[in-house]
Amino acid sequence: MPEKNAENEDKQLLHLVFGGELTQLQGVNFRDLDKLDVVGIFPDFKSAKTAWKSKAQMTVDNAHMRYFIVHLHRLLDPDGDGIAG
């Protein structure tokens, strides 16, 4: 089995899933920043979407509650060239 090194290692595409109650349905201002629910950081979009969907379904009765997926890999490497900003 070949060893992994920096050149052939799978690229991490980190995603953050978090949510909270919004002040109004049309915006993205949170009612209370101290009550944000940080679900976690995930290694790929598929696992982040699974976590997001689970949390969103658990809060379906509260119209002001929203969960988001943030593409951390785009913030860390905005040019997509493998060199951190």
PDB file of N, CA and C in Angstrom:
ATOM      1  N   MET A   1       0.850  -1.182   0.000  1.00  0.00           N
ATOM      2  CA  MET A   1       0.000   0.000   0.000  1.00  0.00           C
ATOM      3  C   MET A   1       0.891   1.239   0.000  1.00  0.00           C
ATOM      4  N   PRO A   2       0.709   2.167  -0.962  1.00  0.00           N
ATOM      5  CA  PRO A   2       1.572   3.342  -1.033  1.00  0.00           C
ATOM      6  C   PRO A   2       1.300   4.317   0.104  1.00  0.00           C
ATOM      7  N   GLU A   3       2.361   4.976   0.527  1.00  0.00           N
ATOM      8  CA  GLU A   3       2.215   5.988   1.571  1.00  0.00           C
ATOM      9  C   GLU A   3       1.646   7.263   0.977  1.00  0.00           C
ATOM     10  N   LYS A   4       0.851   7.957   1.777  1.00  0.00           N
ATOM     11  CA  LYS A   4       0.338   9.254   1.347  1.00  0.00           C
ATOM     12  C   LYS A   4       1.352  10.326   1.691  1.00  0.00           C
ATOM     13  N   ASN A   5       1.503  11.285   0.809  1.00  0.00           N
ATOM     14  CA  ASN A   5       2.331  12.443   1.115  1.00  0.00           C
ATOM     15  C   ASN A   5       1.565  13.700   0.731  1.00  0.00           C
ATOM     16  N   ALA A   6       2.167  14.846   0.915  1.00  0.00           N
ATOM     17  CA  ALA A   6       1.483  16.125   0.680  1.00  0.00           C
ATOM     18  C   ALA A   6       1.019  16.260  -0.764  1.00  0.00           C
ATOM     19  N   GLU A   7       1.713  15.654  -1.709  1.00  0.00           N
ATOM     20  CA  GLU A   7       1.355  15.817  -3.114  1.00  0.00           C
ATOM     21  C   GLU A   7       0.152  14.985  -3.523  1.00  0.00           C
ATOM     22  N   ASN A   8      -0.004  13.771  -2.969  1.00  0.00           N
ATOM     23  CA  ASN A   8      -1.120  12.943  -3.408  1.00  0.00           C
ATOM     24  C   ASN A   8      -2.205  12.770  -2.346  1.00  0.00           C
ATOM     25  N   GLU A   9      -2.083  13.462  -1.244  1.00  0.00           N
ATOM     26  CA  GLU A   9      -3.083  13.375  -0.182  1.00  0.00           C
ATOM     27  C   GLU A   9      -4.378  14.022  -0.659  1.00  0.00           C
ATOM     28  N   ASP A  10      -5.509  13.415  -0.313  1.00  0.00           N
ATOM     29  CA  ASP A  10      -6.796  13.983  -0.689  1.00  0.00           C
ATOM     30  C   ASP A  10      -6.939  15.383  -0.117  1.00  0.00           C
ATOM     31  N   LYS A  11      -7.440  16.281  -0.943  1.00  0.00           N
ATOM     32  CA  LYS A  11      -7.634  17.664  -0.513  1.00  0.00           C
ATOM     33  C   LYS A  11      -8.814  17.735   0.457  1.00  0.00           C
ATOM     34  N   GLN A  12      -8.612  18.380   1.601  1.00  0.00           N
ATOM     35  CA  GLN A  12      -9.695  18.557   2.563  1.00  0.00           C
ATOM     36  C   GLN A  12     -10.576  19.717   2.103  1.00  0.00           C
ATOM     37  N   LEU A  13     -11.869  19.485   2.105  1.00  0.00           N
ATOM     38  CA  LEU A  13     -12.827  20.527   1.772  1.00  0.00           C
ATOM     39  C   LEU A  13     -13.711  20.734   2.998  1.00  0.00           C
ATOM     40  N   LEU A  14     -13.169  21.469   3.968  1.00  0.00           N
ATOM     41  CA  LEU A  14     -13.841  21.646   5.254  1.00  0.00           C
ATOM     42  C   LEU A  14     -15.102  22.483   5.126  1.00  0.00           C
ATOM     43  N   HIS A  15     -16.133  22.071   5.882  1.00  0.00           N
ATOM     44  CA  HIS A  15     -17.418  22.768   5.915  1.00  0.00           C
ATOM     45  C   HIS A  15     -17.866  22.915   7.370  1.00  0.00           C
ATOM     46  N   LEU A  16     -18.386  24.078   7.710  1.00  0.00           N
ATOM     47  CA  LEU A  16     -18.930  24.367   9.035  1.00  0.00           C
ATOM     48  C   LEU A  16     -20.448  24.355   8.961  1.00  0.00           C
ATOM     49  N   VAL A  17     -21.085  23.690   9.892  1.00  0.00           N
ATOM     50  CA  VAL A  17     -22.548  23.701   9.992  1.00  0.00           C
ATOM     51  C   VAL A  17     -22.918  24.368  11.308  1.00  0.00           C
ATOM     52  N   PHE A  18     -23.755  25.400  11.207  1.00  0.00           N
ATOM     53  CA  PHE A  18     -24.214  26.096  12.414  1.00  0.00           C
ATOM     54  C   PHE A  18     -25.594  26.681  12.150  1.00  0.00           C
ATOM     55  N   GLY A  19     -26.246  27.094  13.229  1.00  0.00           N
ATOM     56  CA  GLY A  19     -27.573  27.676  13.077  1.00  0.00           C
ATOM     57  C   GLY A  19     -27.971  28.471  14.290  1.00  0.00           C
ATOM     58  N   GLY A  20     -29.120  29.088  14.154  1.00  0.00           N
ATOM     59  CA  GLY A  20     -29.670  29.881  15.238  1.00  0.00           C
ATOM     60  C   GLY A  20     -30.992  30.497  14.827  1.00  0.00           C
ATOM     61  N   GLU A  21     -31.593  31.168  15.770  1.00  0.00           N
ATOM     62  CA  GLU A  21     -32.891  31.806  15.515  1.00  0.00           C
ATOM     63  C   GLU A  21     -32.674  33.190  14.920  1.00  0.00           C
ATOM     64  N   LEU A  22     -33.339  33.444  13.798  1.00  0.00           N
ATOM     65  CA  LEU A  22     -33.206  34.727  13.104  1.00  0.00           C
ATOM     66  C   LEU A  22     -34.174  35.760  13.667  1.00  0.00           C
ATOM     67  N   THR A  23     -33.830  37.036  13.521  1.00  0.00           N
ATOM     68  CA  THR A  23     -34.714  38.108  13.975  1.00  0.00           C
ATOM     69  C   THR A  23     -35.901  38.290  13.032  1.00  0.00           C
ATOM     70  N   GLN A  24     -35.697  37.999  11.748  1.00  0.00           N
ATOM     71  CA  GLN A  24     -36.785  38.066  10.774  1.00  0.00           C
ATOM     72  C   GLN A  24     -36.548  37.021   9.688  1.00  0.00           C
ATOM     73  N   LEU A  25     -37.615  36.571   9.058  1.00  0.00           N
ATOM     74  CA  LEU A  25     -37.525  35.473   8.102  1.00  0.00           C
ATOM     75  C   LEU A  25     -36.690  35.814   6.866  1.00  0.00           C
ATOM     76  N   GLN A  26     -36.671  37.072   6.458  1.00  0.00           N
ATOM     77  CA  GLN A  26     -35.991  37.457   5.231  1.00  0.00           C
ATOM     78  C   GLN A  26     -34.489  37.681   5.389  1.00  0.00           C
ATOM     79  N   GLY A  27     -34.000  37.808   6.588  1.00  0.00           N
ATOM     80  CA  GLY A  27     -32.600  38.175   6.787  1.00  0.00           C
ATOM     81  C   GLY A  27     -31.743  37.056   7.331  1.00  0.00           C
ATOM     82  N   VAL A  28     -30.519  37.441   7.679  1.00  0.00           N
ATOM     83  CA  VAL A  28     -29.594  36.493   8.313  1.00  0.00           C
ATOM     84  C   VAL A  28     -28.995  37.093   9.583  1.00  0.00           C
ATOM     85  N   ASN A  29     -29.778  37.911  10.274  1.00  0.00           N
ATOM     86  CA  ASN A  29     -29.371  38.441  11.573  1.00  0.00           C
ATOM     87  C   ASN A  29     -29.935  37.533  12.654  1.00  0.00           C
ATOM     88  N   PHE A  30     -29.047  37.104  13.540  1.00  0.00           N
ATOM     89  CA  PHE A  30     -29.448  36.169  14.584  1.00  0.00           C
ATOM     90  C   PHE A  30     -29.971  36.907  15.808  1.00  0.00           C
ATOM     91  N   ARG A  31     -30.990  36.332  16.412  1.00  0.00           N
ATOM     92  CA  ARG A  31     -31.640  36.919  17.591  1.00  0.00           C
ATOM     93  C   ARG A  31     -30.683  37.006  18.778  1.00  0.00           C
ATOM     94  N   ASP A  32     -29.909  35.957  19.022  1.00  0.00           N
ATOM     95  CA  ASP A  32     -29.014  35.914  20.177  1.00  0.00           C
ATOM     96  C   ASP A  32     -27.750  35.140  19.789  1.00  0.00           C
ATOM     97  N   LEU A  33     -26.646  35.852  19.586  1.00  0.00           N
ATOM     98  CA  LEU A  33     -25.399  35.210  19.158  1.00  0.00           C
ATOM     99  C   LEU A  33     -24.869  34.218  20.192  1.00  0.00           C
ATOM    100  N   ASP A  34     -25.209  34.439  21.459  1.00  0.00           N
ATOM    101  CA  ASP A  34     -24.773  33.511  22.506  1.00  0.00           C
ATOM    102  C   ASP A  34     -25.464  32.150  22.400  1.00  0.00           C
ATOM    103  N   LYS A  35     -26.550  32.096  21.653  1.00  0.00           N
ATOM    104  CA  LYS A  35     -27.304  30.846  21.523  1.00  0.00           C
ATOM    105  C   LYS A  35     -27.110  30.171  20.163  1.00  0.00           C
ATOM    106  N   LEU A  36     -26.106  30.591  19.396  1.00  0.00           N
ATOM    107  CA  LEU A  36     -25.828  29.913  18.132  1.00  0.00           C
ATOM    108  C   LEU A  36     -25.475  28.450  18.399  1.00  0.00           C
ATOM    109  N   ASP A  37     -25.965  27.591  17.551  1.00  0.00           N
ATOM    110  CA  ASP A  37     -25.697  26.164  17.660  1.00  0.00           C
ATOM    111  C   ASP A  37     -24.634  25.795  16.632  1.00  0.00           C
ATOM    112  N   VAL A  38     -23.401  25.595  17.097  1.00  0.00           N
ATOM    113  CA  VAL A  38     -22.319  25.169  16.214  1.00  0.00           C
ATOM    114  C   VAL A  38     -22.360  23.640  16.176  1.00  0.00           C
ATOM    115  N   VAL A  39     -22.829  23.112  15.071  1.00  0.00           N
ATOM    116  CA  VAL A  39     -22.996  21.667  14.930  1.00  0.00           C
ATOM    117  C   VAL A  39     -21.640  20.992  14.778  1.00  0.00           C
ATOM    118  N   GLY A  40     -20.768  21.584  13.961  1.00  0.00           N
ATOM    119  CA  GLY A  40     -19.434  21.018  13.811  1.00  0.00           C
ATOM    120  C   GLY A  40     -18.786  21.366  12.490  1.00  0.00           C
ATOM    121  N   ILE A  41     -17.556  20.886  12.340  1.00  0.00           N
ATOM    122  CA  ILE A  41     -16.789  21.050  11.111  1.00  0.00           C
ATOM    123  C   ILE A  41     -16.662  19.672  10.479  1.00  0.00           C
ATOM    124  N   PHE A  42     -16.937  19.603   9.183  1.00  0.00           N
ATOM    125  CA  PHE A  42     -17.006  18.335   8.475  1.00  0.00           C
ATOM    126  C   PHE A  42     -16.008  18.316   7.317  1.00  0.00           C
ATOM    127  N   PRO A  43     -15.512  17.124   6.967  1.00  0.00           N
ATOM    128  CA  PRO A  43     -14.442  17.013   5.972  1.00  0.00           C
ATOM    129  C   PRO A  43     -14.901  17.141   4.520  1.00  0.00           C
ATOM    130  N   ASP A  44     -16.210  17.119   4.294  1.00  0.00           N
ATOM    131  CA  ASP A  44     -16.705  17.211   2.924  1.00  0.00           C
ATOM    132  C   ASP A  44     -18.148  17.717   2.944  1.00  0.00           C
ATOM    133  N   PHE A  45     -18.637  18.116   1.775  1.00  0.00           N
ATOM    134  CA  PHE A  45     -19.978  18.677   1.682  1.00  0.00           C
ATOM    135  C   PHE A  45     -21.045  17.640   2.008  1.00  0.00           C
ATOM    136  N   LYS A  46     -20.836  16.407   1.579  1.00  0.00           N
ATOM    137  CA  LYS A  46     -21.842  15.367   1.805  1.00  0.00           C
ATOM    138  C   LYS A  46     -22.133  15.162   3.284  1.00  0.00           C
ATOM    139  N   SER A  47     -21.092  15.047   4.105  1.00  0.00           N
ATOM    140  CA  SER A  47     -21.317  14.852   5.537  1.00  0.00           C
ATOM    141  C   SER A  47     -21.867  16.116   6.197  1.00  0.00           C
ATOM    142  N   ALA A  48     -21.458  17.290   5.711  1.00  0.00           N
ATOM    143  CA  ALA A  48     -22.005  18.546   6.232  1.00  0.00           C
ATOM    144  C   ALA A  48     -23.493  18.653   5.914  1.00  0.00           C
ATOM    145  N   LYS A  49     -23.866  18.271   4.706  1.00  0.00           N
ATOM    146  CA  LYS A  49     -25.279  18.341   4.312  1.00  0.00           C
ATOM    147  C   LYS A  49     -26.130  17.388   5.139  1.00  0.00           C
ATOM    148  N   THR A  50     -25.595  16.217   5.455  1.00  0.00           N
ATOM    149  CA  THR A  50     -26.316  15.262   6.302  1.00  0.00           C
ATOM    150  C   THR A  50     -26.578  15.864   7.681  1.00  0.00           C
ATOM    151  N   ALA A  51     -25.561  16.494   8.273  1.00  0.00           N
ATOM    152  CA  ALA A  51     -25.712  17.126   9.591  1.00  0.00           C
ATOM    153  C   ALA A  51     -26.682  18.299   9.516  1.00  0.00           C
ATOM    154  N   TRP A  52     -26.551  19.115   8.463  1.00  0.00           N
ATOM    155  CA  TRP A  52     -27.442  20.266   8.272  1.00  0.00           C
ATOM    156  C   TRP A  52     -28.897  19.812   8.173  1.00  0.00           C
ATOM    157  N   LYS A  53     -29.131  18.798   7.355  1.00  0.00           N
ATOM    158  CA  LYS A  53     -30.498  18.312   7.147  1.00  0.00           C
ATOM    159  C   LYS A  53     -31.100  17.791   8.443  1.00  0.00           C
ATOM    160  N   SER A  54     -30.313  17.069   9.218  1.00  0.00           N
ATOM    161  CA  SER A  54     -30.790  16.541  10.494  1.00  0.00           C
ATOM    162  C   SER A  54     -31.211  17.658  11.439  1.00  0.00           C
ATOM    163  N   LYS A  55     -30.354  18.673  11.572  1.00  0.00           N
ATOM    164  CA  LYS A  55     -30.675  19.798  12.468  1.00  0.00           C
ATOM    165  C   LYS A  55     -31.869  20.592  11.950  1.00  0.00           C
ATOM    166  N   ALA A  56     -31.920  20.826  10.650  1.00  0.00           N
ATOM    167  CA  ALA A  56     -33.031  21.581  10.068  1.00  0.00           C
ATOM    168  C   ALA A  56     -34.358  20.859  10.301  1.00  0.00           C
ATOM    169  N   GLN A  57     -34.365  19.545  10.157  1.00  0.00           N
ATOM    170  CA  GLN A  57     -35.592  18.781  10.373  1.00  0.00           C
ATOM    171  C   GLN A  57     -36.019  18.782  11.827  1.00  0.00           C
ATOM    172  N   MET A  58     -35.053  18.829  12.746  1.00  0.00           N
ATOM    173  CA  MET A  58     -35.382  18.843  14.178  1.00  0.00           C
ATOM    174  C   MET A  58     -36.018  20.176  14.599  1.00  0.00           C
ATOM    175  N   THR A  59     -35.808  21.238  13.823  1.00  0.00           N
ATOM    176  CA  THR A  59     -36.313  22.561  14.199  1.00  0.00           C
ATOM    177  C   THR A  59     -37.373  23.068  13.229  1.00  0.00           C
ATOM    178  N   VAL A  60     -37.993  22.177  12.482  1.00  0.00           N
ATOM    179  CA  VAL A  60     -38.943  22.556  11.445  1.00  0.00           C
ATOM    180  C   VAL A  60     -40.147  23.336  12.006  1.00  0.00           C
ATOM    181  N   ASP A  61     -40.474  23.158  13.260  1.00  0.00           N
ATOM    182  CA  ASP A  61     -41.622  23.851  13.848  1.00  0.00           C
ATOM    183  C   ASP A  61     -41.350  25.316  14.172  1.00  0.00           C
ATOM    184  N   ASN A  62     -40.098  25.738  14.144  1.00  0.00           N
ATOM    185  CA  ASN A  62     -39.735  27.128  14.428  1.00  0.00           C
ATOM    186  C   ASN A  62     -39.299  27.781  13.117  1.00  0.00           C
ATOM    187  N   ALA A  63     -40.164  28.593  12.526  1.00  0.00           N
ATOM    188  CA  ALA A  63     -39.887  29.212  11.220  1.00  0.00           C
ATOM    189  C   ALA A  63     -38.669  30.132  11.249  1.00  0.00           C
ATOM    190  N   HIS A  64     -38.320  30.661  12.403  1.00  0.00           N
ATOM    191  CA  HIS A  64     -37.179  31.574  12.507  1.00  0.00           C
ATOM    192  C   HIS A  64     -35.841  30.860  12.697  1.00  0.00           C
ATOM    193  N   MET A  65     -35.888  29.565  12.924  1.00  0.00           N
ATOM    194  CA  MET A  65     -34.660  28.803  13.137  1.00  0.00           C
ATOM    195  C   MET A  65     -34.079  28.388  11.794  1.00  0.00           C
ATOM    196  N   ARG A  66     -32.793  28.700  11.580  1.00  0.00           N
ATOM    197  CA  ARG A  66     -32.127  28.365  10.321  1.00  0.00           C
ATOM    198  C   ARG A  66     -30.747  27.773  10.586  1.00  0.00           C
ATOM    199  N   TYR A  67     -30.396  26.808   9.777  1.00  0.00           N
ATOM    200  CA  TYR A  67     -29.058  26.217   9.804  1.00  0.00           C
ATOM    201  C   TYR A  67     -28.375  26.482   8.473  1.00  0.00           C
ATOM    202  N   PHE A  68     -27.071  26.646   8.524  1.00  0.00           N
ATOM    203  CA  PHE A  68     -26.286  27.020   7.348  1.00  0.00           C
ATOM    204  C   PHE A  68     -25.074  26.115   7.207  1.00  0.00           C
ATOM    205  N   ILE A  69     -24.631  25.970   5.963  1.00  0.00           N
ATOM    206  CA  ILE A  69     -23.366  25.297   5.667  1.00  0.00           C
ATOM    207  C   ILE A  69     -22.418  26.364   5.134  1.00  0.00           C
ATOM    208  N   VAL A  70     -21.273  26.516   5.781  1.00  0.00           N
ATOM    209  CA  VAL A  70     -20.255  27.470   5.347  1.00  0.00           C
ATOM    210  C   VAL A  70     -19.099  26.673   4.743  1.00  0.00           C
ATOM    211  N   HIS A  71     -18.712  27.027   3.533  1.00  0.00           N
ATOM    212  CA  HIS A  71     -17.613  26.360   2.842  1.00  0.00           C
ATOM    213  C   HIS A  71     -16.291  26.939   3.349  1.00  0.00           C
ATOM    214  N   LEU A  72     -15.793  26.389   4.455  1.00  0.00           N
ATOM    215  CA  LEU A  72     -14.555  26.899   5.053  1.00  0.00           C
ATOM    216  C   LEU A  72     -13.375  26.804   4.096  1.00  0.00           C
ATOM    217  N   HIS A  73     -13.351  25.775   3.275  1.00  0.00           N
ATOM    218  CA  HIS A  73     -12.232  25.612   2.346  1.00  0.00           C
ATOM    219  C   HIS A  73     -12.130  26.787   1.381  1.00  0.00           C
ATOM    220  N   ARG A  74     -13.251  27.414   1.056  1.00  0.00           N
ATOM    221  CA  ARG A  74     -13.227  28.592   0.178  1.00  0.00           C
ATOM    222  C   ARG A  74     -12.689  29.821   0.903  1.00  0.00           C
ATOM    223  N   LEU A  75     -12.923  29.896   2.196  1.00  0.00           N
ATOM    224  CA  LEU A  75     -12.385  31.007   2.984  1.00  0.00           C
ATOM    225  C   LEU A  75     -10.895  30.834   3.234  1.00  0.00           C
ATOM    226  N   LEU A  76     -10.477  29.581   3.446  1.00  0.00           N
ATOM    227  CA  LEU A  76      -9.083  29.302   3.727  1.00  0.00           C
ATOM    228  C   LEU A  76      -8.215  29.398   2.480  1.00  0.00           C
ATOM    229  N   ASP A  77      -8.782  29.086   1.315  1.00  0.00           N
ATOM    230  CA  ASP A  77      -8.041  29.075   0.052  1.00  0.00           C
ATOM    231  C   ASP A  77      -8.926  29.688  -1.038  1.00  0.00           C
ATOM    232  N   PRO A  78      -9.149  31.020  -0.996  1.00  0.00           N
ATOM    233  CA  PRO A  78     -10.104  31.648  -1.910  1.00  0.00           C
ATOM    234  C   PRO A  78      -9.727  31.526  -3.392  1.00  0.00           C
ATOM    235  N   ASP A  79      -8.436  31.374  -3.703  1.00  0.00           N
ATOM    236  CA  ASP A  79      -8.019  31.252  -5.092  1.00  0.00           C
ATOM    237  C   ASP A  79      -8.054  29.806  -5.587  1.00  0.00           C
ATOM    238  N   GLY A  80      -8.221  28.853  -4.677  1.00  0.00           N
ATOM    239  CA  GLY A  80      -8.270  27.455  -5.041  1.00  0.00           C
ATOM    240  C   GLY A  80      -6.951  26.908  -5.554  1.00  0.00           C
ATOM    241  N   ASP A  81      -5.861  27.552  -5.171  1.00  0.00           N
ATOM    242  CA  ASP A  81      -4.550  27.143  -5.682  1.00  0.00           C
ATOM    243  C   ASP A  81      -3.757  26.292  -4.686  1.00  0.00           C
ATOM    244  N   GLY A  82      -4.400  25.939  -3.564  1.00  0.00           N
ATOM    245  CA  GLY A  82      -3.715  25.110  -2.571  1.00  0.00           C
ATOM    246  C   GLY A  82      -2.831  25.903  -1.622  1.00  0.00           C
ATOM    247  N   ILE A  83      -2.833  27.228  -1.762  1.00  0.00           N
ATOM    248  CA  ILE A  83      -2.024  28.089  -0.892  1.00  0.00           C
ATOM    249  C   ILE A  83      -2.975  28.894  -0.028  1.00  0.00           C
ATOM    250  N   ALA A  84      -2.877  28.725   1.279  1.00  0.00           N
ATOM    251  CA  ALA A  84      -3.762  29.432   2.202  1.00  0.00           C
ATOM    252  C   ALA A  84      -3.544  30.933   2.104  1.00  0.00           C
ATOM    253  N   GLY A  85      -4.685  31.681   2.175  1.00  0.00           N
ATOM    254  CA  GLY A  85      -4.719  33.118   2.049  1.00  0.00           C
ATOM    255  C   GLY A  85      -3.688  33.799   2.827  1.00  0.00           C
TER     256      GLY A  85
END
